[in-house]
């Protein structure tokens, strides 16, 4: 089966929806997360310094794969359909604009990652918003693991 057939078959099972969100790059990531009513264990601004400023709006999509996917596979599938993984700034802006989604399912932005503890054997982590009925938090999850169908990937058109 060729890649096109695999993608076409997979797209029929996958779920995605589009949203327009405003992003204010003049606000720190920690402030973005707090404004989105999310718990932040450590300041993301130290790990993700931003050189952007100003305000802009972008269209983002929540993409769900109906199978377990590794980070690299998810990235390839997103790029194949002309989407790029969102950054932490875009994830925080989405959480602020649409706060209830994180209470339904975890949303991951594999476009931003950090090397945890800066050791050679340390994992590379991606950003994710997770939540329950009342509490939501910005988490950092290991990129080497597979993501199940409960995860939604935040992406934006290329």
Protein backbone atom coordinates (compact mmCIF):
# COMPACT_ATOMS: atom_id res chain seq x y z
CA UNK A 1 0.00 0.00 0.00
CA UNK A 2 1.46 3.38 -0.98
CA UNK A 3 1.77 6.32 1.45
CA UNK A 4 -1.10 8.16 -0.26
CA UNK A 5 -3.47 5.22 0.27
CA UNK A 6 -2.35 4.86 3.88
CA UNK A 7 -2.95 8.57 4.51
CA UNK A 8 -6.32 8.53 2.75
CA UNK A 9 -7.42 5.51 4.77
CA UNK A 10 -6.11 7.07 7.99
CA UNK A 11 -7.74 10.47 7.27
CA UNK A 12 -11.14 8.82 7.15
CA UNK A 13 -10.60 7.61 10.73
CA UNK A 14 -8.83 10.70 12.04
CA UNK A 15 -10.61 13.71 13.48
CA UNK A 16 -9.74 17.36 13.08
CA UNK A 17 -11.39 20.72 13.50
CA UNK A 18 -10.26 24.30 12.87
CA UNK A 19 -10.22 27.35 15.14
CA UNK A 20 -9.03 30.93 14.78
CA UNK A 21 -7.09 32.16 17.82
CA UNK A 22 -5.43 35.47 18.75
CA UNK A 23 -1.84 35.36 20.04
CA UNK A 24 -0.23 38.15 22.04
CA UNK A 25 3.53 37.64 21.88
CA UNK A 26 4.10 40.58 24.25
CA UNK A 27 2.72 38.48 27.14
CA UNK A 28 4.99 35.90 28.80
CA UNK A 29 4.16 32.21 28.48
CA UNK A 30 3.56 32.01 32.21
CA UNK A 31 1.07 34.90 31.98
CA UNK A 32 -0.60 33.19 28.99
CA UNK A 33 -0.99 29.96 30.97
CA UNK A 34 -2.30 31.79 34.04
CA UNK A 35 -4.79 33.76 31.91
CA UNK A 36 -5.91 30.40 30.52
CA UNK A 37 -6.56 29.31 34.13
CA UNK A 38 -3.87 26.63 34.04
CA UNK A 39 -1.48 25.44 36.71
CA UNK A 40 2.18 25.87 35.73
CA UNK A 41 4.71 23.89 37.77
CA UNK A 42 7.78 25.74 36.47
CA UNK A 43 8.11 28.91 34.43
CA UNK A 44 8.05 27.97 30.74
CA UNK A 45 9.62 31.33 29.84
CA UNK A 46 13.03 30.15 31.03
CA UNK A 47 12.92 27.09 28.76
CA UNK A 48 11.20 28.73 25.79
CA UNK A 49 12.54 32.26 25.29
CA UNK A 50 10.60 34.04 22.54
CA UNK A 51 11.94 36.54 20.06
CA UNK A 52 8.47 37.34 18.70
CA UNK A 53 6.45 40.37 19.68
CA UNK A 54 3.15 41.94 18.78
CA UNK A 55 -0.25 40.42 18.23
CA UNK A 56 -1.54 38.22 15.45
CA UNK A 57 -4.21 35.69 14.76
CA UNK A 58 -3.74 32.21 13.33
CA UNK A 59 -5.86 29.26 12.38
CA UNK A 60 -5.11 26.08 14.30
CA UNK A 61 -6.44 22.58 13.99
CA UNK A 62 -6.94 19.89 16.59
CA UNK A 63 -5.95 16.60 15.00
CA UNK A 64 -6.73 13.21 16.48
CA UNK A 65 -5.19 10.00 15.19
CA UNK A 66 -7.27 6.89 15.76
CA UNK A 67 -4.15 4.86 16.43
CA UNK A 68 -1.06 5.05 18.60
CA UNK A 69 1.59 7.24 16.94
CA UNK A 70 5.15 8.09 17.83
CA UNK A 71 6.14 11.76 17.80
CA UNK A 72 8.13 11.46 14.56
CA UNK A 73 5.23 9.68 12.83
CA UNK A 74 2.76 12.34 13.97
CA UNK A 75 5.05 15.09 12.66
CA UNK A 76 5.37 13.36 9.27
CA UNK A 77 1.61 12.82 9.00
CA UNK A 78 0.92 16.46 9.86
CA UNK A 79 3.43 17.76 7.30
CA UNK A 80 2.01 15.39 4.69
CA UNK A 81 -1.34 17.18 4.95
CA UNK A 82 0.33 20.65 4.97
CA UNK A 83 0.19 21.21 8.72
CA UNK A 84 3.03 22.00 11.10
CA UNK A 85 2.99 21.19 14.82
CA UNK A 86 2.16 24.20 16.97
CA UNK A 87 4.56 25.90 19.36
CA UNK A 88 4.08 26.43 23.08
CA UNK A 89 2.93 30.04 22.44
CA UNK A 90 0.22 28.77 20.11
CA UNK A 91 -0.77 26.09 22.64
CA UNK A 92 -1.10 28.65 25.45
CA UNK A 93 -3.14 30.97 23.20
CA UNK A 94 -5.43 28.08 22.26
CA UNK A 95 -5.89 27.17 25.93
CA UNK A 96 -6.89 30.74 26.71
CA UNK A 97 -9.31 30.99 23.77
CA UNK A 98 -10.83 27.51 24.26
CA UNK A 99 -10.34 26.53 27.91
CA UNK A 100 -12.76 23.63 28.09
CA UNK A 101 -11.08 21.38 25.54
CA UNK A 102 -8.27 20.45 27.95
CA UNK A 103 -10.86 19.15 30.37
CA UNK A 104 -12.03 16.68 27.72
CA UNK A 105 -8.70 15.41 26.37
CA UNK A 106 -4.96 16.23 26.49
CA UNK A 107 -3.74 18.61 23.79
CA UNK A 108 -0.12 18.39 22.73
CA UNK A 109 2.08 20.85 20.85
CA UNK A 110 5.01 18.85 19.52
CA UNK A 111 6.43 21.97 17.82
CA UNK A 112 8.15 23.02 21.07
CA UNK A 113 10.40 20.76 23.07
CA UNK A 114 13.09 20.98 25.73
CA UNK A 115 15.95 18.80 26.91
CA UNK A 116 15.10 17.96 30.51
CA UNK A 117 17.93 18.44 33.05
CA UNK A 118 20.38 19.04 30.21
CA UNK A 119 21.98 15.60 30.58
CA UNK A 120 22.94 13.35 27.67
CA UNK A 121 20.56 10.60 28.78
CA UNK A 122 17.75 12.98 29.66
CA UNK A 123 14.49 12.85 27.72
CA UNK A 124 13.37 15.47 25.24
CA UNK A 125 9.98 16.77 26.35
CA UNK A 126 7.05 18.25 24.42
CA UNK A 127 4.44 20.61 25.82
CA UNK A 128 0.94 19.46 26.58
CA UNK A 129 -2.16 20.87 28.25
CA UNK A 130 -3.98 18.31 30.34
CA UNK A 131 -6.94 18.74 32.61
CA UNK A 132 -9.81 17.36 34.58
CA UNK A 133 -13.14 18.83 35.58
CA UNK A 134 -11.72 21.75 37.57
CA UNK A 135 -7.94 21.72 37.19
CA UNK A 136 -5.87 22.18 34.06
CA UNK A 137 -2.11 22.22 33.83
CA UNK A 138 0.73 22.79 31.41
CA UNK A 139 2.78 19.60 31.38
CA UNK A 140 5.95 18.45 29.69
CA UNK A 141 5.80 14.90 28.32
CA UNK A 142 8.53 12.67 26.90
CA UNK A 143 8.65 12.75 23.09
CA UNK A 144 9.94 9.17 22.81
CA UNK A 145 6.64 7.62 23.86
CA UNK A 146 3.71 6.87 21.61
CA UNK A 147 0.60 9.03 21.83
CA UNK A 148 -2.74 7.29 22.08
CA UNK A 149 -6.02 8.18 20.40
CA UNK A 150 -7.06 10.28 23.41
CA UNK A 151 -4.41 12.92 22.56
CA UNK A 152 -5.14 15.79 20.21
CA UNK A 153 -2.29 17.40 18.29
CA UNK A 154 -2.44 21.16 17.84
CA UNK A 155 -1.26 22.12 14.36
CA UNK A 156 -1.44 25.06 11.99
CA UNK A 157 -1.41 25.26 8.18
CA UNK A 158 2.01 25.68 6.56
